[in-house]
Amino acid sequence: MIESSLAESNSAVMAALATVLLGLAATSLALAQDAARSYPMKPIRLIAPFPPGGGTDAVARPIAASFTKAWGQPVVVDNRGSGGGVIAHQMVAQALPDGYTLFLSTGAGMVSTPLVINPAGYDPYKDFTPVGLATLLPAFLVAQVSLPVNTVQDVIAMARANPGKLTFSSSGTGGGHHFAVEMLNSMTGVKGIHVPYKGGGPAIVALLSGEVTFCFGNYPAARPHLNSGRLKAIAMAGAKRTPLMPQVPTMIESGLPGFEYTTWYALFGPARMSRTMVDFINAELHRVLHDRSIAEPLLAQGAEATPSTPEELTRRMRDEQARWMKVIKSQNLKF
């Protein structure tokens, strides 16, 4: 009888404890929802992983200005341009998930860098909350106008006729432009030589000076030289043509099915941000990027406004990671 009484007593205690824990959980959830609904109540940092004046900064600033105007709280762009973006990623990964630290990252930072720097000090999937894609930045395969090639098939034929002699500049080892070169090598069996430079601008300069034969470069860096007639665009590296240069075919259209590379910028927060807050910021990002006064100036700089859901952003990351892992394996790349 004593044992029965003790069992009943323990059951009552456990039931009471469970009730308390459920109550605390419900209270915590309610507080989190209230905080998200009243967000923002103080200034917000929008961290950009590169110095002022670059592509990330050019996308971050109009977004921050529009958020500031709509929310009544300052959204301040905080440029953390060191360590190739790694320092900024680590900083955001360690921040509180309260919505007051946001992050405009890139395909390089969230996909290729963790593949080539081991360890990078952060996990793209565990340490961040995806909010949504912001913009796409088209990349092109370009050449000097004097070079006797006009199509991707011309480039392949020249590479096969001159094995190990054609050179391709890029913005750096392990970046998307480098992987684009290696993907071309892998899909065609050619032996184009990758020549890394310290950024997209120097890679284009190397092409202009004749140091290299071809270049995979972003539109903003190549645009003035394409417009002046010093360079020509052979193909666009993305999955579809860009309205910036609609006459230029894609690599896929040029006979390389599955060839896809596009630089992208996307909004993230630290891990464990509430879904209510994520949905609010995502809706605001859509509003900003559908505003013609913002989307058109971005497009003039080469950045196409392409807002997405958090799930679509994660799928893009996964797809790109699988594509680059395949290239790394097939080309036996070592970093």
C-alpha atoms as a PDB file:
ATOM      1  CA  MET A   1       0.000   0.000   0.000  1.00  0.00           C
ATOM      2  CA  ILE A   2       2.911   2.312   0.810  1.00  0.00           C
ATOM      3  CA  GLU A   3       4.520   1.513  -2.581  1.00  0.00           C
ATOM      4  CA  SER A   4       1.218   2.248  -4.333  1.00  0.00           C
ATOM      5  CA  SER A   5       0.903   5.588  -2.546  1.00  0.00           C
ATOM      6  CA  LEU A   6       4.482   6.509  -3.520  1.00  0.00           C
ATOM      7  CA  ALA A   7       3.805   5.591  -7.160  1.00  0.00           C
ATOM      8  CA  GLU A   8       0.661   7.702  -7.189  1.00  0.00           C
ATOM      9  CA  SER A   9       2.572  10.567  -5.592  1.00  0.00           C
ATOM     10  CA  ASN A  10       5.394  10.324  -8.166  1.00  0.00           C
ATOM     11  CA  SER A  11       2.868  10.234 -10.999  1.00  0.00           C
ATOM     12  CA  ALA A  12       1.182  13.351  -9.652  1.00  0.00           C
ATOM     13  CA  VAL A  13       4.535  15.138  -9.361  1.00  0.00           C
ATOM     14  CA  MET A  14       5.509  14.147 -12.916  1.00  0.00           C
ATOM     15  CA  ALA A  15       2.149  15.274 -14.257  1.00  0.00           C
ATOM     16  CA  ALA A  16       2.470  18.605 -12.468  1.00  0.00           C
ATOM     17  CA  LEU A  17       6.010  19.024 -13.778  1.00  0.00           C
ATOM     18  CA  ALA A  18       4.893  18.252 -17.332  1.00  0.00           C
ATOM     19  CA  THR A  19       2.114  20.827 -16.980  1.00  0.00           C
ATOM     20  CA  VAL A  20       4.619  23.431 -15.798  1.00  0.00           C
ATOM     21  CA  LEU A  21       7.026  22.639 -18.654  1.00  0.00           C
ATOM     22  CA  LEU A  22       4.243  22.843 -21.218  1.00  0.00           C
ATOM     23  CA  GLY A  23       3.156  26.141 -19.730  1.00  0.00           C
ATOM     24  CA  LEU A  24       6.703  27.499 -19.891  1.00  0.00           C
ATOM     25  CA  ALA A  25       7.051  26.338 -23.499  1.00  0.00           C
ATOM     26  CA  ALA A  26       3.758  27.957 -24.442  1.00  0.00           C
ATOM     27  CA  THR A  27       4.783  31.174 -22.666  1.00  0.00           C
ATOM     28  CA  SER A  28       8.175  31.147 -24.407  1.00  0.00           C
ATOM     29  CA  LEU A  29       6.515  30.624 -27.793  1.00  0.00           C
ATOM     30  CA  ALA A  30       4.009  33.405 -27.100  1.00  0.00           C
ATOM     31  CA  LEU A  31       6.800  35.783 -26.090  1.00  0.00           C
ATOM     32  CA  ALA A  32       8.753  34.903 -29.233  1.00  0.00           C
ATOM     33  CA  GLN A  33       5.681  35.529 -31.386  1.00  0.00           C
ATOM     34  CA  ASP A  34       5.004  38.842 -29.637  1.00  0.00           C
ATOM     35  CA  ALA A  35       8.636  39.893 -30.193  1.00  0.00           C
ATOM     36  CA  ALA A  36       8.396  38.981 -33.870  1.00  0.00           C
ATOM     37  CA  ARG A  37       5.122  40.903 -34.258  1.00  0.00           C
ATOM     38  CA  SER A  38       6.607  44.035 -32.661  1.00  0.00           C
ATOM     39  CA  TYR A  39       9.840  43.745 -34.669  1.00  0.00           C
ATOM     40  CA  PRO A  40      11.851  45.872 -35.133  1.00  0.00           C
ATOM     41  CA  MET A  41      12.186  47.922 -31.951  1.00  0.00           C
ATOM     42  CA  LYS A  42      15.825  49.025 -32.321  1.00  0.00           C
ATOM     43  CA  PRO A  43      18.510  49.509 -35.019  1.00  0.00           C
ATOM     44  CA  ILE A  44      19.485  46.521 -37.160  1.00  0.00           C
ATOM     45  CA  ARG A  45      22.868  45.561 -38.592  1.00  0.00           C
ATOM     46  CA  LEU A  46      22.940  44.254 -42.159  1.00  0.00           C
ATOM     47  CA  ILE A  47      26.373  42.676 -42.482  1.00  0.00           C
ATOM     48  CA  ALA A  48      28.044  42.570 -45.902  1.00  0.00           C
ATOM     49  CA  PRO A  49      31.047  40.231 -46.174  1.00  0.00           C
ATOM     50  CA  PHE A  50      33.083  42.468 -48.505  1.00  0.00           C
ATOM     51  CA  PRO A  51      34.348  46.080 -48.483  1.00  0.00           C
ATOM     52  CA  PRO A  52      32.241  49.075 -49.601  1.00  0.00           C
ATOM     53  CA  GLY A  53      31.933  49.626 -53.323  1.00  0.00           C
ATOM     54  CA  GLY A  54      31.658  45.994 -54.387  1.00  0.00           C
ATOM     55  CA  GLY A  55      28.708  44.005 -55.689  1.00  0.00           C
ATOM     56  CA  THR A  56      27.528  42.878 -52.255  1.00  0.00           C
ATOM     57  CA  ASP A  57      27.581  46.442 -50.976  1.00  0.00           C
ATOM     58  CA  ALA A  58      25.695  47.677 -54.052  1.00  0.00           C
ATOM     59  CA  VAL A  59      22.862  45.231 -53.321  1.00  0.00           C
ATOM     60  CA  ALA A  60      22.886  45.655 -49.533  1.00  0.00           C
ATOM     61  CA  ARG A  61      22.548  49.455 -49.442  1.00  0.00           C
ATOM     62  CA  PRO A  62      19.273  49.934 -51.359  1.00  0.00           C
ATOM     63  CA  ILE A  63      17.710  47.055 -49.411  1.00  0.00           C
ATOM     64  CA  ALA A  64      18.840  48.609 -46.113  1.00  0.00           C
ATOM     65  CA  ALA A  65      17.570  52.050 -47.123  1.00  0.00           C
ATOM     66  CA  SER A  66      14.141  50.677 -48.046  1.00  0.00           C
ATOM     67  CA  PHE A  67      13.879  48.645 -44.828  1.00  0.00           C
ATOM     68  CA  THR A  68      14.817  51.744 -42.823  1.00  0.00           C
ATOM     69  CA  LYS A  69      12.120  53.818 -44.475  1.00  0.00           C
ATOM     70  CA  ALA A  70       9.425  51.181 -44.027  1.00  0.00           C
ATOM     71  CA  TRP A  71      10.298  50.045 -40.504  1.00  0.00           C
ATOM     72  CA  GLY A  72      11.116  53.333 -38.821  1.00  0.00           C
ATOM     73  CA  GLN A  73      14.355  51.907 -37.441  1.00  0.00           C
ATOM     74  CA  PRO A  74      17.863  52.345 -38.887  1.00  0.00           C
ATOM     75  CA  VAL A  75      19.136  49.372 -40.883  1.00  0.00           C
ATOM     76  CA  VAL A  76      22.880  49.974 -41.049  1.00  0.00           C
ATOM     77  CA  VAL A  77      25.135  48.202 -43.562  1.00  0.00           C
ATOM     78  CA  ASP A  78      28.186  46.869 -41.722  1.00  0.00           C
ATOM     79  CA  ASN A  79      30.958  45.985 -44.201  1.00  0.00           C
ATOM     80  CA  ARG A  80      33.215  43.247 -42.835  1.00  0.00           C
ATOM     81  CA  GLY A  81      35.587  42.740 -45.742  1.00  0.00           C
ATOM     82  CA  SER A  82      38.309  40.479 -44.416  1.00  0.00           C
ATOM     83  CA  GLY A  83      39.290  36.842 -44.743  1.00  0.00           C
ATOM     84  CA  GLY A  84      37.542  36.483 -48.096  1.00  0.00           C
ATOM     85  CA  GLY A  85      34.176  36.811 -46.364  1.00  0.00           C
ATOM     86  CA  VAL A  86      34.885  34.064 -43.821  1.00  0.00           C
ATOM     87  CA  ILE A  87      35.129  36.477 -40.865  1.00  0.00           C
ATOM     88  CA  ALA A  88      31.697  37.948 -41.598  1.00  0.00           C
ATOM     89  CA  HIS A  89      30.128  34.497 -41.882  1.00  0.00           C
ATOM     90  CA  GLN A  90      31.620  33.450 -38.552  1.00  0.00           C
ATOM     91  CA  MET A  91      30.389  36.689 -36.940  1.00  0.00           C
ATOM     92  CA  VAL A  92      26.793  36.155 -38.083  1.00  0.00           C
ATOM     93  CA  ALA A  93      26.890  32.477 -37.100  1.00  0.00           C
ATOM     94  CA  GLN A  94      27.633  33.561 -33.512  1.00  0.00           C
ATOM     95  CA  ALA A  95      25.019  36.349 -33.353  1.00  0.00           C
ATOM     96  CA  LEU A  96      21.709  36.178 -31.492  1.00  0.00           C
ATOM     97  CA  PRO A  97      18.770  35.028 -33.660  1.00  0.00           C
ATOM     98  CA  ASP A  98      16.663  38.023 -32.650  1.00  0.00           C
ATOM     99  CA  GLY A  99      16.427  39.622 -36.103  1.00  0.00           C
ATOM    100  CA  TYR A 100      18.771  42.476 -35.263  1.00  0.00           C
ATOM    101  CA  THR A 101      21.671  40.940 -37.174  1.00  0.00           C
ATOM    102  CA  LEU A 102      20.942  40.212 -40.835  1.00  0.00           C
ATOM    103  CA  PHE A 103      23.401  39.062 -43.465  1.00  0.00           C
ATOM    104  CA  LEU A 104      23.690  39.493 -47.230  1.00  0.00           C
ATOM    105  CA  SER A 105      25.797  36.525 -48.294  1.00  0.00           C
ATOM    106  CA  THR A 106      26.761  35.069 -51.669  1.00  0.00           C
ATOM    107  CA  GLY A 107      26.906  31.759 -53.495  1.00  0.00           C
ATOM    108  CA  ALA A 108      30.652  31.737 -52.906  1.00  0.00           C
ATOM    109  CA  GLY A 109      30.298  32.297 -49.165  1.00  0.00           C
ATOM    110  CA  MET A 110      27.529  29.777 -48.657  1.00  0.00           C
ATOM    111  CA  VAL A 111      28.564  27.097 -51.158  1.00  0.00           C
ATOM    112  CA  SER A 112      32.039  27.156 -52.686  1.00  0.00           C
ATOM    113  CA  THR A 113      34.083  28.600 -49.800  1.00  0.00           C
ATOM    114  CA  PRO A 114      33.095  25.840 -47.332  1.00  0.00           C
ATOM    115  CA  LEU A 115      34.083  23.304 -50.005  1.00  0.00           C
ATOM    116  CA  VAL A 116      37.578  24.683 -50.511  1.00  0.00           C
ATOM    117  CA  ILE A 117      38.432  25.978 -47.016  1.00  0.00           C
ATOM    118  CA  ASN A 118      38.405  23.191 -44.468  1.00  0.00           C
ATOM    119  CA  PRO A 119      37.403  24.076 -41.883  1.00  0.00           C
ATOM    120  CA  ALA A 120      35.735  27.347 -42.834  1.00  0.00           C
ATOM    121  CA  GLY A 121      34.592  27.858 -39.248  1.00  0.00           C
ATOM    122  CA  TYR A 122      30.888  27.814 -40.083  1.00  0.00           C
ATOM    123  CA  ASP A 123      28.256  25.461 -41.486  1.00  0.00           C
ATOM    124  CA  PRO A 124      26.019  27.015 -44.187  1.00  0.00           C
ATOM    125  CA  TYR A 125      23.045  24.870 -43.172  1.00  0.00           C
ATOM    126  CA  LYS A 126      23.375  24.657 -39.379  1.00  0.00           C
ATOM    127  CA  ASP A 127      24.648  28.146 -38.523  1.00  0.00           C
ATOM    128  CA  PHE A 128      22.270  30.322 -40.581  1.00  0.00           C
ATOM    129  CA  THR A 129      18.572  30.855 -41.204  1.00  0.00           C
ATOM    130  CA  PRO A 130      17.784  31.407 -44.905  1.00  0.00           C
ATOM    131  CA  VAL A 131      15.449  34.346 -45.501  1.00  0.00           C
ATOM    132  CA  GLY A 132      15.380  34.601 -49.281  1.00  0.00           C
ATOM    133  CA  LEU A 133      17.295  35.085 -52.498  1.00  0.00           C
ATOM    134  CA  ALA A 134      17.773  38.737 -53.441  1.00  0.00           C
ATOM    135  CA  THR A 135      19.535  39.075 -56.806  1.00  0.00           C
ATOM    136  CA  LEU A 136      21.291  37.121 -59.531  1.00  0.00           C
ATOM    137  CA  LEU A 137      24.426  38.425 -61.225  1.00  0.00           C
ATOM    138  CA  PRO A 138      24.955  36.904 -64.697  1.00  0.00           C
ATOM    139  CA  ALA A 139      28.360  35.509 -65.613  1.00  0.00           C
ATOM    140  CA  PHE A 140      29.669  35.280 -69.163  1.00  0.00           C
ATOM    141  CA  LEU A 141      32.388  33.480 -71.072  1.00  0.00           C
ATOM    142  CA  VAL A 142      34.179  36.346 -72.823  1.00  0.00           C
ATOM    143  CA  ALA A 143      37.076  36.744 -75.245  1.00  0.00           C
ATOM    144  CA  GLN A 144      38.949  39.468 -77.095  1.00  0.00           C
ATOM    145  CA  VAL A 145      37.177  40.528 -80.275  1.00  0.00           C
ATOM    146  CA  SER A 146      40.270  39.635 -82.337  1.00  0.00           C
ATOM    147  CA  LEU A 147      40.112  35.972 -81.315  1.00  0.00           C
ATOM    148  CA  PRO A 148      38.622  33.865 -84.181  1.00  0.00           C
ATOM    149  CA  VAL A 149      35.863  32.270 -82.088  1.00  0.00           C
ATOM    150  CA  ASN A 150      32.213  33.239 -81.798  1.00  0.00           C
ATOM    151  CA  THR A 151      30.521  30.228 -80.185  1.00  0.00           C
ATOM    152  CA  VAL A 152      31.168  27.773 -77.366  1.00  0.00           C
ATOM    153  CA  GLN A 153      31.743  25.062 -79.960  1.00  0.00           C
ATOM    154  CA  ASP A 154      34.440  27.269 -81.532  1.00  0.00           C
ATOM    155  CA  VAL A 155      36.097  27.536 -78.115  1.00  0.00           C
ATOM    156  CA  ILE A 156      35.967  23.759 -77.624  1.00  0.00           C
ATOM    157  CA  ALA A 157      37.418  23.148 -81.094  1.00  0.00           C
ATOM    158  CA  MET A 158      40.256  25.613 -80.440  1.00  0.00           C
ATOM    159  CA  ALA A 159      40.993  23.992 -77.074  1.00  0.00           C
ATOM    160  CA  ARG A 160      41.134  20.527 -78.632  1.00  0.00           C
ATOM    161  CA  ALA A 161      43.414  21.776 -81.407  1.00  0.00           C
ATOM    162  CA  ASN A 162      45.705  23.379 -78.809  1.00  0.00           C
ATOM    163  CA  PRO A 163      45.714  21.003 -75.804  1.00  0.00           C
ATOM    164  CA  GLY A 164      46.955  22.601 -72.612  1.00  0.00           C
ATOM    165  CA  LYS A 165      47.520  25.985 -74.221  1.00  0.00           C
ATOM    166  CA  LEU A 166      44.270  27.908 -73.758  1.00  0.00           C
ATOM    167  CA  THR A 167      44.069  29.840 -70.488  1.00  0.00           C
ATOM    168  CA  PHE A 168      41.020  31.028 -68.532  1.00  0.00           C
ATOM    169  CA  SER A 169      41.295  33.772 -65.931  1.00  0.00           C
ATOM    170  CA  SER A 170      38.990  33.857 -62.901  1.00  0.00           C
ATOM    171  CA  SER A 171      38.349  35.926 -59.780  1.00  0.00           C
ATOM    172  CA  GLY A 172      40.220  33.415 -57.612  1.00  0.00           C
ATOM    173  CA  THR A 173      40.859  29.773 -56.795  1.00  0.00           C
ATOM    174  CA  GLY A 174      37.829  27.926 -55.500  1.00  0.00           C
ATOM    175  CA  GLY A 175      35.312  30.567 -56.555  1.00  0.00           C
ATOM    176  CA  GLY A 176      32.403  30.139 -58.927  1.00  0.00           C
ATOM    177  CA  HIS A 177      34.370  31.389 -61.928  1.00  0.00           C
ATOM    178  CA  HIS A 178      37.088  28.831 -61.234  1.00  0.00           C
ATOM    179  CA  PHE A 179      34.509  26.060 -60.958  1.00  0.00           C
ATOM    180  CA  ALA A 180      32.974  27.231 -64.246  1.00  0.00           C
ATOM    181  CA  VAL A 181      36.333  26.642 -65.952  1.00  0.00           C
ATOM    182  CA  GLU A 182      36.652  23.200 -64.392  1.00  0.00           C
ATOM    183  CA  MET A 183      33.061  22.349 -65.308  1.00  0.00           C
ATOM    184  CA  LEU A 184      33.822  23.250 -68.929  1.00  0.00           C
ATOM    185  CA  ASN A 185      36.902  21.010 -68.806  1.00  0.00           C
ATOM    186  CA  SER A 186      34.901  18.181 -67.236  1.00  0.00           C
ATOM    187  CA  MET A 187      31.968  18.334 -69.657  1.00  0.00           C
ATOM    188  CA  THR A 188      34.048  18.629 -72.827  1.00  0.00           C
ATOM    189  CA  GLY A 189      37.259  16.797 -72.037  1.00  0.00           C
ATOM    190  CA  VAL A 190      39.363  19.840 -72.967  1.00  0.00           C
ATOM    191  CA  LYS A 191      42.370  20.947 -70.941  1.00  0.00           C
ATOM    192  CA  GLY A 192      41.831  24.652 -70.444  1.00  0.00           C
ATOM    193  CA  ILE A 193      44.233  26.045 -67.863  1.00  0.00           C
ATOM    194  CA  HIS A 194      42.785  27.997 -64.934  1.00  0.00           C
ATOM    195  CA  VAL A 195      44.662  31.204 -64.025  1.00  0.00           C
ATOM    196  CA  PRO A 196      43.396  32.803 -60.787  1.00  0.00           C
ATOM    197  CA  TYR A 197      43.517  36.546 -60.102  1.00  0.00           C
ATOM    198  CA  LYS A 198      42.615  38.622 -57.044  1.00  0.00           C
ATOM    199  CA  GLY A 199      39.113  39.524 -58.161  1.00  0.00           C
ATOM    200  CA  GLY A 200      36.895  39.787 -61.204  1.00  0.00           C
ATOM    201  CA  GLY A 201      38.321  43.157 -62.269  1.00  0.00           C
ATOM    202  CA  PRO A 202      41.948  41.951 -62.489  1.00  0.00           C
ATOM    203  CA  ALA A 203      40.767  38.814 -64.326  1.00  0.00           C
ATOM    204  CA  ILE A 204      39.181  41.005 -67.024  1.00  0.00           C
ATOM    205  CA  VAL A 205      42.296  43.219 -67.209  1.00  0.00           C
ATOM    206  CA  ALA A 206      44.392  40.090 -67.774  1.00  0.00           C
ATOM    207  CA  LEU A 207      42.163  39.164 -70.710  1.00  0.00           C
ATOM    208  CA  LEU A 208      42.364  42.663 -72.184  1.00  0.00           C
ATOM    209  CA  SER A 209      46.170  42.636 -71.974  1.00  0.00           C
ATOM    210  CA  GLY A 210      46.454  39.230 -73.620  1.00  0.00           C
ATOM    211  CA  GLU A 211      47.768  37.399 -70.554  1.00  0.00           C
ATOM    212  CA  VAL A 212      44.959  34.826 -70.923  1.00  0.00           C
ATOM    213  CA  THR A 213      42.779  33.527 -73.757  1.00  0.00           C
ATOM    214  CA  PHE A 214      39.343  33.588 -72.160  1.00  0.00           C
ATOM    215  CA  CYS A 215      37.622  34.684 -68.974  1.00  0.00           C
ATOM    216  CA  PHE A 216      34.545  33.751 -67.000  1.00  0.00           C
ATOM    217  CA  GLY A 217      33.458  37.086 -65.604  1.00  0.00           C
ATOM    218  CA  ASN A 218      30.447  38.845 -64.101  1.00  0.00           C
ATOM    219  CA  TYR A 219      28.531  41.372 -66.147  1.00  0.00           C
ATOM    220  CA  PRO A 220      29.507  44.522 -64.171  1.00  0.00           C
ATOM    221  CA  ALA A 221      33.238  43.876 -64.681  1.00  0.00           C
ATOM    222  CA  ALA A 222      32.893  42.975 -68.359  1.00  0.00           C
ATOM    223  CA  ARG A 223      30.175  45.491 -69.329  1.00  0.00           C
ATOM    224  CA  PRO A 224      32.298  48.563 -70.233  1.00  0.00           C
ATOM    225  CA  HIS A 225      34.583  46.458 -72.418  1.00  0.00           C
ATOM    226  CA  LEU A 226      31.676  44.652 -74.068  1.00  0.00           C
ATOM    227  CA  ASN A 227      30.048  48.022 -74.794  1.00  0.00           C
ATOM    228  CA  SER A 228      33.302  49.500 -76.154  1.00  0.00           C
ATOM    229  CA  GLY A 229      33.834  46.531 -78.453  1.00  0.00           C
ATOM    230  CA  ARG A 230      37.115  45.383 -76.905  1.00  0.00           C
ATOM    231  CA  LEU A 231      35.573  42.142 -75.650  1.00  0.00           C
ATOM    232  CA  LYS A 232      32.832  39.863 -76.941  1.00  0.00           C
ATOM    233  CA  ALA A 233      30.487  37.612 -75.007  1.00  0.00           C
ATOM    234  CA  ILE A 234      30.614  34.031 -76.234  1.00  0.00           C
ATOM    235  CA  ALA A 235      27.898  32.643 -73.942  1.00  0.00           C
ATOM    236  CA  MET A 236      25.996  33.265 -70.723  1.00  0.00           C
ATOM    237  CA  ALA A 237      26.736  30.820 -67.907  1.00  0.00           C
ATOM    238  CA  GLY A 238      23.282  30.870 -66.263  1.00  0.00           C
ATOM    239  CA  ALA A 239      20.349  28.566 -66.960  1.00  0.00           C
ATOM    240  CA  LYS A 240      18.516  31.174 -69.044  1.00  0.00           C
ATOM    241  CA  ARG A 241      19.353  34.268 -71.051  1.00  0.00           C
ATOM    242  CA  THR A 242      19.580  37.587 -69.279  1.00  0.00           C
ATOM    243  CA  PRO A 243      17.640  40.712 -70.282  1.00  0.00           C
ATOM    244  CA  LEU A 244      20.937  42.575 -69.945  1.00  0.00           C
ATOM    245  CA  MET A 245      22.216  40.896 -73.116  1.00  0.00           C
ATOM    246  CA  PRO A 246      19.338  38.865 -74.551  1.00  0.00           C
ATOM    247  CA  GLN A 247      21.189  38.161 -77.804  1.00  0.00           C
ATOM    248  CA  VAL A 248      23.838  36.072 -76.016  1.00  0.00           C
ATOM    249  CA  PRO A 249      22.960  32.343 -75.815  1.00  0.00           C
ATOM    250  CA  THR A 250      23.471  30.252 -72.698  1.00  0.00           C
ATOM    251  CA  MET A 251      26.112  27.542 -72.376  1.00  0.00           C
ATOM    252  CA  ILE A 252      23.209  25.067 -72.306  1.00  0.00           C
ATOM    253  CA  GLU A 253      21.863  26.378 -75.603  1.00  0.00           C
ATOM    254  CA  SER A 254      25.388  26.172 -76.971  1.00  0.00           C
ATOM    255  CA  GLY A 255      25.550  22.407 -76.579  1.00  0.00           C
ATOM    256  CA  LEU A 256      26.463  21.860 -72.920  1.00  0.00           C
ATOM    257  CA  PRO A 257      23.305  20.596 -71.155  1.00  0.00           C
ATOM    258  CA  GLY A 258      23.497  21.033 -67.402  1.00  0.00           C
ATOM    259  CA  PHE A 259      26.102  23.787 -67.494  1.00  0.00           C
ATOM    260  CA  GLU A 260      24.905  26.411 -65.029  1.00  0.00           C
ATOM    261  CA  TYR A 261      26.659  29.040 -62.964  1.00  0.00           C
ATOM    262  CA  THR A 262      25.300  32.348 -61.690  1.00  0.00           C
ATOM    263  CA  THR A 263      26.592  34.581 -58.919  1.00  0.00           C
ATOM    264  CA  TRP A 264      23.855  35.275 -56.373  1.00  0.00           C
ATOM    265  CA  TYR A 265      23.191  37.391 -53.289  1.00  0.00           C
ATOM    266  CA  ALA A 266      20.763  36.306 -50.589  1.00  0.00           C
ATOM    267  CA  LEU A 267      19.538  37.386 -47.164  1.00  0.00           C
ATOM    268  CA  PHE A 268      20.221  35.238 -44.101  1.00  0.00           C
ATOM    269  CA  GLY A 269      20.067  35.500 -40.335  1.00  0.00           C
ATOM    270  CA  PRO A 270      21.717  33.495 -37.560  1.00  0.00           C
ATOM    271  CA  ALA A 271      20.403  29.989 -36.909  1.00  0.00           C
ATOM    272  CA  ARG A 272      17.110  29.539 -35.014  1.00  0.00           C
ATOM    273  CA  MET A 273      15.383  32.750 -36.059  1.00  0.00           C
ATOM    274  CA  SER A 274      11.629  32.429 -35.556  1.00  0.00           C
ATOM    275  CA  ARG A 275       9.570  31.561 -38.619  1.00  0.00           C
ATOM    276  CA  THR A 276       7.260  34.500 -37.921  1.00  0.00           C
ATOM    277  CA  MET A 277      10.198  36.896 -38.151  1.00  0.00           C
ATOM    278  CA  VAL A 278      11.617  35.166 -41.235  1.00  0.00           C
ATOM    279  CA  ASP A 279       8.269  35.391 -43.030  1.00  0.00           C
ATOM    280  CA  PHE A 280       7.977  39.092 -42.186  1.00  0.00           C
ATOM    281  CA  ILE A 281      11.472  39.934 -43.465  1.00  0.00           C
ATOM    282  CA  ASN A 282      10.980  37.754 -46.554  1.00  0.00           C
ATOM    283  CA  ALA A 283       7.748  39.596 -47.412  1.00  0.00           C
ATOM    284  CA  GLU A 284       9.563  42.924 -46.984  1.00  0.00           C
ATOM    285  CA  LEU A 285      12.391  41.707 -49.231  1.00  0.00           C
ATOM    286  CA  HIS A 286       9.850  40.811 -51.930  1.00  0.00           C
ATOM    287  CA  ARG A 287       8.289  44.252 -51.589  1.00  0.00           C
ATOM    288  CA  VAL A 288      11.649  45.988 -51.937  1.00  0.00           C
ATOM    289  CA  LEU A 289      12.783  43.967 -54.943  1.00  0.00           C
ATOM    290  CA  HIS A 290       9.463  44.460 -56.748  1.00  0.00           C
ATOM    291  CA  ASP A 291       9.855  48.241 -56.361  1.00  0.00           C
ATOM    292  CA  ARG A 292      10.937  49.521 -59.780  1.00  0.00           C
ATOM    293  CA  SER A 293      12.820  52.416 -58.221  1.00  0.00           C
ATOM    294  CA  ILE A 294      15.122  49.826 -56.642  1.00  0.00           C
ATOM    295  CA  ALA A 295      15.005  46.922 -59.119  1.00  0.00           C
ATOM    296  CA  GLU A 296      15.856  49.024 -62.184  1.00  0.00           C
ATOM    297  CA  PRO A 297      19.013  50.667 -60.739  1.00  0.00           C
ATOM    298  CA  LEU A 298      20.140  47.232 -59.549  1.00  0.00           C
ATOM    299  CA  LEU A 299      19.597  45.822 -63.031  1.00  0.00           C
ATOM    300  CA  ALA A 300      21.600  48.670 -64.522  1.00  0.00           C
ATOM    301  CA  GLN A 301      24.510  47.425 -62.392  1.00  0.00           C
ATOM    302  CA  GLY A 302      23.971  43.873 -63.579  1.00  0.00           C
ATOM    303  CA  ALA A 303      22.003  42.532 -60.612  1.00  0.00           C
ATOM    304  CA  GLU A 304      18.621  41.023 -61.486  1.00  0.00           C
ATOM    305  CA  ALA A 305      16.094  41.215 -58.621  1.00  0.00           C
ATOM    306  CA  THR A 306      14.990  37.610 -58.021  1.00  0.00           C
ATOM    307  CA  PRO A 307      13.320  37.229 -54.605  1.00  0.00           C
ATOM    308  CA  SER A 308      12.527  33.707 -53.407  1.00  0.00           C
ATOM    309  CA  THR A 309      11.211  31.764 -50.449  1.00  0.00           C
ATOM    310  CA  PRO A 310      13.623  30.444 -47.787  1.00  0.00           C
ATOM    311  CA  GLU A 311      13.010  26.907 -49.077  1.00  0.00           C
ATOM    312  CA  GLU A 312      13.874  27.866 -52.653  1.00  0.00           C
ATOM    313  CA  LEU A 313      17.102  29.456 -51.431  1.00  0.00           C
ATOM    314  CA  THR A 314      18.074  26.285 -49.566  1.00  0.00           C
ATOM    315  CA  ARG A 315      17.365  24.171 -52.660  1.00  0.00           C
ATOM    316  CA  ARG A 316      19.592  26.460 -54.718  1.00  0.00           C
ATOM    317  CA  MET A 317      22.401  25.985 -52.211  1.00  0.00           C
ATOM    318  CA  ARG A 318      21.986  22.203 -52.190  1.00  0.00           C
ATOM    319  CA  ASP A 319      21.845  21.986 -55.989  1.00  0.00           C
ATOM    320  CA  GLU A 320      24.920  24.174 -56.403  1.00  0.00           C
ATOM    321  CA  GLN A 321      26.840  22.254 -53.766  1.00  0.00           C
ATOM    322  CA  ALA A 322      26.098  18.953 -55.553  1.00  0.00           C
ATOM    323  CA  ARG A 323      27.158  20.459 -58.896  1.00  0.00           C
ATOM    324  CA  TRP A 324      30.482  21.724 -57.523  1.00  0.00           C
ATOM    325  CA  MET A 325      31.170  18.490 -55.631  1.00  0.00           C
ATOM    326  CA  LYS A 326      30.752  16.607 -58.902  1.00  0.00           C
ATOM    327  CA  VAL A 327      33.206  18.958 -60.606  1.00  0.00           C
ATOM    328  CA  ILE A 328      35.719  18.671 -57.749  1.00  0.00           C
ATOM    329  CA  LYS A 329      35.574  14.877 -57.921  1.00  0.00           C
ATOM    330  CA  SER A 330      35.705  14.558 -61.708  1.00  0.00           C
ATOM    331  CA  GLN A 331      38.640  16.962 -61.998  1.00  0.00           C
ATOM    332  CA  ASN A 332      40.353  15.659 -58.842  1.00  0.00           C
ATOM    333  CA  LEU A 333      40.752  19.214 -57.573  1.00  0.00           C
ATOM    334  CA  LYS A 334      42.941  19.776 -54.540  1.00  0.00           C
ATOM    335  CA  PHE A 335      42.871  23.004 -52.512  1.00  0.00           C
END
